[in-house]
Protein backbone atom coordinates (compact mmCIF):
# COMPACT_ATOMS: atom_id res chain seq x y z
CA UNK A 1 6.62 -17.77 4.39
CA UNK A 2 7.14 -15.31 1.60
CA UNK A 3 9.20 -12.05 2.13
CA UNK A 4 7.79 -8.63 1.28
CA UNK A 5 9.46 -5.43 0.13
CA UNK A 6 7.24 -2.58 0.46
CA UNK A 7 8.42 0.70 -1.15
CA UNK A 8 7.29 4.44 -0.98
CA UNK A 9 6.75 7.05 1.61
CA UNK A 10 7.13 6.68 5.33
CA UNK A 11 5.97 9.91 6.98
CA UNK A 12 4.56 11.64 10.08
CA UNK A 13 0.83 11.61 10.46
CA UNK A 14 -0.25 14.62 12.51
CA UNK A 15 -3.39 13.12 14.08
CA UNK A 16 -5.96 15.25 16.01
CA UNK A 17 -6.04 14.82 19.73
CA UNK A 18 -9.56 15.53 21.30
CA UNK A 19 -12.29 17.14 19.58
CA UNK A 20 -11.02 20.66 19.01
CA UNK A 21 -8.79 19.64 16.06
CA UNK A 22 -6.20 22.09 17.27
CA UNK A 23 -3.79 19.80 18.88
CA UNK A 24 -2.08 17.10 16.86
CA UNK A 25 -0.01 13.95 17.85
CA UNK A 26 2.95 12.97 15.50
CA UNK A 27 2.41 9.22 14.56
CA UNK A 28 4.52 7.14 12.08
CA UNK A 29 2.64 6.36 8.87
CA UNK A 30 2.62 6.39 4.99
CA UNK A 31 0.65 3.86 3.00
CA UNK A 32 3.49 1.52 1.94
CA UNK A 33 5.12 1.67 5.34
CA UNK A 34 1.70 0.71 6.90
CA UNK A 35 1.69 -2.34 4.63
CA UNK A 36 5.30 -3.22 5.69
CA UNK A 37 4.40 -2.92 9.27
CA UNK A 38 1.11 -4.71 8.79
CA UNK A 39 2.87 -7.60 7.23
CA UNK A 40 5.47 -7.84 10.00
CA UNK A 41 2.88 -7.61 12.80
CA UNK A 42 0.84 -10.62 11.29
CA UNK A 43 4.15 -12.67 11.45
CA UNK A 44 5.61 -12.11 8.03
CA UNK A 45 9.24 -11.23 7.04
CA UNK A 46 8.89 -7.63 5.92
CA UNK A 47 11.39 -5.06 4.46
CA UNK A 48 10.75 -1.42 3.63
CA UNK A 49 12.48 0.64 0.90
CA UNK A 50 12.33 4.33 0.62
CA UNK A 51 14.15 7.69 1.39
CA UNK A 52 14.57 8.58 4.96
CA UNK A 53 15.67 11.88 6.52
CA UNK A 54 18.43 12.35 9.09
CA UNK A 55 16.14 14.75 11.08
CA UNK A 56 14.44 13.83 14.34
CA UNK A 57 11.38 12.70 12.66
CA UNK A 58 13.49 10.48 10.21
CA UNK A 59 15.10 8.76 13.25
CA UNK A 60 11.76 8.27 14.81
CA UNK A 61 10.34 6.57 11.79
CA UNK A 62 13.36 4.33 11.32
CA UNK A 63 13.46 3.29 15.10
CA UNK A 64 9.77 2.73 14.87
CA UNK A 65 9.99 0.49 11.86
CA UNK A 66 12.48 -1.57 13.66
CA UNK A 67 10.36 -1.83 16.73
CA UNK A 68 7.58 -3.06 14.58
CA UNK A 69 9.72 -5.92 13.07
CA UNK A 70 10.48 -4.38 9.71
CA UNK A 71 13.85 -4.75 8.22
CA UNK A 72 15.16 -1.26 7.26
CA UNK A 73 18.36 -2.23 5.27
CA UNK A 74 16.85 -1.08 2.07
CA UNK A 75 16.19 2.46 3.36
CA UNK A 76 18.33 5.26 1.67
CA UNK A 77 19.40 8.00 4.12
CA UNK A 78 18.81 11.49 2.49
CA UNK A 79 20.73 13.60 5.10
CA UNK A 80 19.91 17.14 3.87
CA UNK A 81 16.16 16.42 3.24
CA UNK A 82 13.21 16.80 5.72
CA UNK A 83 10.54 14.21 6.57
CA UNK A 84 7.27 14.53 4.91
CA UNK A 85 4.34 15.30 7.19
CA UNK A 86 0.59 15.01 6.67
CA UNK A 87 -2.04 16.82 8.71
CA UNK A 88 -5.01 14.43 9.12
CA UNK A 89 -8.56 15.50 9.78
CA UNK A 90 -11.29 13.20 10.83
CA UNK A 91 -15.12 13.68 10.40
CA UNK A 92 -17.89 12.25 12.71
CA UNK A 93 -17.74 8.86 10.91
CA UNK A 94 -13.89 8.65 11.08
CA UNK A 95 -13.21 9.41 7.46
CA UNK A 96 -10.16 11.26 6.75
CA UNK A 97 -8.92 14.32 4.82
CA UNK A 98 -5.19 15.01 4.24
CA UNK A 99 -3.02 18.05 4.00
CA UNK A 100 0.52 17.06 2.93
CA UNK A 101 3.92 18.82 3.26
CA UNK A 102 6.01 16.85 0.87
CA UNK A 103 8.15 19.39 -1.09
CA UNK A 104 11.54 17.72 -1.69
CA UNK A 105 11.28 15.64 1.29
CA UNK A 106 13.34 12.52 1.83
CA UNK A 107 10.79 10.10 0.67
CA UNK A 108 10.63 11.77 -2.84
CA UNK A 109 14.56 11.29 -3.37
CA UNK A 110 14.79 7.57 -3.77
CA UNK A 111 16.42 6.62 -7.08
CA UNK A 112 17.04 3.83 -9.47
CA UNK A 113 20.50 3.06 -8.13
CA UNK A 114 18.97 2.38 -4.69
CA UNK A 115 16.91 -0.33 -6.13
CA UNK A 116 19.94 -1.82 -7.88
CA UNK A 117 21.60 -2.21 -4.45
CA UNK A 118 18.83 -4.47 -3.34
CA UNK A 119 19.35 -8.33 -3.22
CA UNK A 120 16.29 -9.30 -5.30
CA UNK A 121 16.85 -12.95 -4.89
CA UNK A 122 15.46 -12.62 -1.24
CA UNK A 123 12.38 -10.82 -2.37
CA UNK A 124 9.24 -12.65 -3.06
CA UNK A 125 6.63 -9.89 -3.01
CA UNK A 126 7.02 -6.15 -4.12
CA UNK A 127 4.33 -3.59 -3.04
CA UNK A 128 4.19 0.05 -4.09
CA UNK A 129 1.62 2.88 -4.36
CA UNK A 130 0.97 5.94 -6.62
CA UNK A 131 2.08 8.66 -4.01
CA UNK A 132 5.62 8.21 -5.44
CA UNK A 133 4.27 8.99 -9.09
CA UNK A 134 3.59 12.61 -8.36
CA UNK A 135 6.85 13.89 -9.80
CA UNK A 136 8.87 12.82 -12.71
CA UNK A 137 12.11 11.69 -11.02
CA UNK A 138 10.55 9.57 -8.27
CA UNK A 139 7.97 8.28 -10.82
CA UNK A 140 10.78 6.92 -13.03
CA UNK A 141 12.31 5.50 -9.95
CA UNK A 142 9.04 3.80 -8.84
CA UNK A 143 8.47 2.39 -12.24
CA UNK A 144 12.10 1.12 -12.36
CA UNK A 145 11.50 -0.76 -9.14
CA UNK A 146 8.28 -2.34 -10.39
CA UNK A 147 9.95 -3.40 -13.55
CA UNK A 148 12.95 -4.82 -11.75
CA UNK A 149 10.72 -6.79 -9.37
CA UNK A 150 8.62 -8.27 -12.21
CA UNK A 151 11.91 -9.12 -14.07
CA UNK A 152 13.08 -10.90 -10.92
CA UNK A 153 9.79 -12.82 -10.79
CA UNK A 154 8.54 -11.28 -7.58
CA UNK A 155 4.74 -11.02 -7.27
CA UNK A 156 4.18 -7.20 -7.72
CA UNK A 157 1.30 -5.64 -5.70
CA UNK A 158 0.09 -2.11 -6.57
CA UNK A 159 -2.36 0.06 -4.48
CA UNK A 160 -3.59 2.96 -6.52
CA UNK A 161 -4.20 5.04 -3.43
CA UNK A 162 -4.91 8.32 -5.04
CA UNK A 163 -4.26 11.43 -3.27
CA UNK A 164 -5.16 14.21 -5.66
CA UNK A 165 -3.90 17.00 -3.54
CA UNK A 166 -0.33 15.65 -4.11
CA UNK A 167 -0.44 16.16 -7.83
CA UNK A 168 0.51 19.60 -9.24
CA UNK A 169 -0.72 18.31 -12.69
CA UNK A 170 -3.46 15.68 -12.42
CA UNK A 171 -3.45 15.27 -16.20
CA UNK A 172 -0.33 13.03 -15.75
CA UNK A 173 -1.99 10.85 -13.18
CA UNK A 174 -3.88 8.21 -15.14
CA UNK A 175 -1.18 7.73 -17.72
CA UNK A 176 1.48 7.14 -15.07
CA UNK A 177 -0.84 4.77 -13.02
CA UNK A 178 -1.68 2.83 -16.05
CA UNK A 179 1.95 2.49 -16.91
CA UNK A 180 2.55 0.33 -13.98
CA UNK A 181 -0.31 -2.10 -14.86
CA UNK A 182 1.84 -4.11 -17.17
CA UNK A 183 4.18 -5.00 -14.29
CA UNK A 184 1.26 -5.62 -11.71
CA UNK A 185 0.04 -8.96 -10.56
CA UNK A 186 -2.36 -7.71 -7.84
CA UNK A 187 -4.00 -4.35 -8.23
CA UNK A 188 -5.97 -2.79 -5.36
CA UNK A 189 -8.28 0.17 -5.89
CA UNK A 190 -11.21 1.68 -4.11
CA UNK A 191 -14.49 1.92 -6.16
CA UNK A 192 -14.10 5.58 -6.17
CA UNK A 193 -10.54 5.50 -7.59
CA UNK A 194 -11.57 2.98 -10.19
CA UNK A 195 -14.44 5.21 -11.21
CA UNK A 196 -12.11 8.20 -11.56
CA UNK A 197 -9.61 6.41 -13.66
CA UNK A 198 -12.37 4.87 -15.75
CA UNK A 199 -13.79 8.37 -16.48
CA UNK A 200 -10.37 9.67 -17.36
CA UNK A 201 -10.27 6.98 -20.00
CA UNK A 202 -13.80 7.43 -21.25
CA UNK A 203 -14.88 3.99 -20.01
CA UNK A 204 -17.40 2.39 -17.73
CA UNK A 205 -16.45 0.61 -14.57
CA UNK A 206 -16.64 -2.79 -16.12
CA UNK A 207 -14.77 -1.66 -19.23
CA UNK A 208 -12.02 -0.25 -17.02
CA UNK A 209 -11.70 -3.53 -15.06
CA UNK A 210 -11.25 -5.44 -18.49
CA UNK A 211 -8.69 -2.86 -19.47
CA UNK A 212 -6.66 -3.48 -16.59
CA UNK A 213 -6.75 -7.23 -17.17
CA UNK A 214 -5.66 -6.68 -20.77
CA UNK A 215 -2.71 -4.84 -19.57
CA UNK A 216 -1.50 -7.86 -17.60
CA UNK A 217 -2.98 -7.47 -14.25
CA UNK A 218 -3.91 -10.92 -12.82
CA UNK A 219 -6.24 -9.94 -9.89
CA UNK A 220 -8.14 -6.69 -9.11
CA UNK A 221 -9.34 -6.10 -5.51
CA UNK A 222 -11.95 -3.17 -5.38
CA UNK A 223 -12.88 -2.01 -1.96
CA UNK A 224 -15.88 0.20 -1.36
CA UNK A 225 -15.99 1.46 2.28
CA UNK A 226 -18.65 -0.42 4.03
CA UNK A 227 -19.82 -2.23 1.04
CA UNK A 228 -18.62 -5.58 -0.34
CA UNK A 229 -15.16 -6.13 -1.85
CA UNK A 230 -14.91 -7.15 -5.45
CA UNK A 231 -12.39 -9.77 -6.41
CA UNK A 232 -12.02 -9.70 -10.20
CA UNK A 233 -9.74 -11.57 -12.65
CA UNK A 234 -9.92 -13.18 -16.15
CA UNK A 235 -10.87 -16.44 -14.59
CA UNK A 236 -13.56 -15.37 -11.97
CA UNK A 237 -15.25 -12.49 -10.38
CA UNK A 238 -16.92 -12.41 -7.08
CA UNK A 239 -17.96 -10.17 -4.09
CA UNK A 240 -17.38 -10.59 -0.43
CA UNK A 241 -19.33 -8.87 2.27
CA UNK A 242 -17.49 -6.80 4.95
CA UNK A 243 -18.59 -6.67 8.62
CA UNK A 244 -20.84 -3.76 9.89
CA UNK A 245 -18.65 -1.85 12.26
CA UNK A 246 -18.62 1.66 13.87
CA UNK A 247 -15.29 3.04 12.58
CA UNK A 248 -13.14 5.11 15.07
CA UNK A 249 -10.45 5.95 12.39
CA UNK A 250 -10.22 4.58 8.89
CA UNK A 251 -6.46 5.51 8.63
CA UNK A 252 -4.51 2.57 7.34
CA UNK A 253 -7.61 0.40 6.87
CA UNK A 254 -6.82 -0.13 3.09
CA UNK A 255 -3.24 -0.72 3.78
CA UNK A 256 -4.15 -3.32 6.51
CA UNK A 257 -6.33 -4.94 3.94
CA UNK A 258 -3.47 -5.28 1.49
CA UNK A 259 -1.05 -6.58 4.12
CA UNK A 260 -3.55 -9.18 5.14
CA UNK A 261 -4.30 -10.25 1.65
CA UNK A 262 -0.44 -10.61 0.84
CA UNK A 263 0.17 -12.37 4.12
CA UNK A 264 -2.41 -14.83 3.75
CA UNK A 265 -1.54 -15.43 0.15
CA UNK A 266 2.17 -16.20 1.03
CA UNK A 267 1.43 -17.99 4.24
CA UNK A 268 2.67 -21.53 3.63
CA UNK A 269 4.95 -23.87 5.53
CA UNK A 270 8.39 -23.61 4.11
CA UNK A 271 9.44 -21.52 1.20
CA UNK A 272 7.02 -20.86 -1.81
CA UNK A 273 8.60 -19.55 -4.96
CA UNK A 274 7.21 -16.20 -6.27
CA UNK A 275 5.94 -17.84 -9.45
CA UNK A 276 3.88 -20.12 -7.46
CA UNK A 277 2.49 -17.19 -5.49
CA UNK A 278 1.42 -15.70 -8.92
CA UNK A 279 -0.22 -19.01 -9.81
CA UNK A 280 -2.18 -18.84 -6.54
CA UNK A 281 -4.12 -15.60 -8.05
CA UNK A 282 -5.60 -18.01 -10.59
CA UNK A 283 -7.20 -20.23 -7.83
CA UNK A 284 -10.63 -18.69 -6.63
CA UNK A 285 -10.65 -20.51 -3.30
CA UNK A 286 -7.13 -19.24 -2.48
CA UNK A 287 -8.05 -15.68 -3.53
CA UNK A 288 -11.27 -15.89 -1.41
CA UNK A 289 -9.40 -17.26 1.70
CA UNK A 290 -6.76 -14.39 1.44
CA UNK A 291 -9.60 -11.76 0.90
CA UNK A 292 -11.56 -12.81 3.86
CA UNK A 293 -8.55 -12.70 6.00
CA UNK A 294 -7.68 -9.22 4.65
CA UNK A 295 -11.25 -7.96 5.30
CA UNK A 296 -10.84 -8.90 9.00
CA UNK A 297 -7.60 -7.12 9.13
CA UNK A 298 -9.07 -3.96 7.67
CA UNK A 299 -12.08 -4.10 10.03
CA UNK A 300 -9.91 -4.36 13.01
CA UNK A 301 -7.80 -1.46 12.01
CA UNK A 302 -10.93 0.80 11.71
CA UNK A 303 -11.68 0.28 15.38
CA UNK A 304 -8.50 2.05 16.66
CA UNK A 305 -6.95 5.47 15.95
CA UNK A 306 -3.63 5.72 14.26
CA UNK A 307 -1.76 3.77 11.65
CA UNK A 308 0.88 1.36 12.95
CA UNK A 309 -0.80 0.82 16.35
CA UNK A 310 -4.13 -0.02 14.80
CA UNK A 311 -2.66 -2.74 12.55
CA UNK A 312 -3.60 -6.21 13.91
CA UNK A 313 -1.45 -9.17 15.00
CA UNK A 314 -2.17 -12.46 13.71
CA UNK A 315 -3.88 -13.68 16.93
CA UNK A 316 -6.43 -10.70 16.74
CA UNK A 317 -7.45 -11.68 13.13
CA UNK A 318 -8.05 -15.38 14.19
């Protein structure tokens, strides 16, 4: 079984209670933290790296990660910084909108030296998102982590996961995202995100996928809400249907998809070297099997409110 290190923000989601939208419940979340928990709940060995506050919310997040089976030895304690929060609003279809409080919070203060302290010989898969690209210092640290993982021959997974409201200057967004492509093996985007980035480059959707492959990406996974999932590489391109469901809450659905894909890809009896994981991305059958498993994970997550609690265990997916 492969070992995953997920990096980025762990924060408090303030989810609405009832229909008024005036009362909110604090629930641990954050896209890369969701992936770490999702991978652990499925039965994988999972670590999380990121800045963590010493405040009450930070202690809650640390304890919750441990309770969910995630190794927190790569967390960096930032004692004088607060925990990031995000106010989540849900529409009638369960779709979300976000309002972030993330100014100088602990998750933004992880640095290159923290990555150097990690024992990379124990890491097979490294996952990150673009929410740590929004400010220069944390972007540099994030890119450093991706480079280091790539150099250490870990499979690098990158979920674009755009949150435009986090960016003070969106003119920096596409260039920073695209700098990560050269170190990325598995790239996950929503169709909306892919079209946004393509437009920024003056390219069509298909031209942008080709650009990503030219940069070194081995496999692109494009989600599109209730529509089919696209699996695209230099070797093959195909779509897979998703089940028709009534979503209660789409929070963490994409993260659940990523966790499921990486888990199924790395789910082998005994140890599988990271370079062999990368080779699996060239095999259409193995990619399809992993993607089908991931689709089930995402669908199950949509049926329950919240992030960590909605992520499935292996028996639910089967």
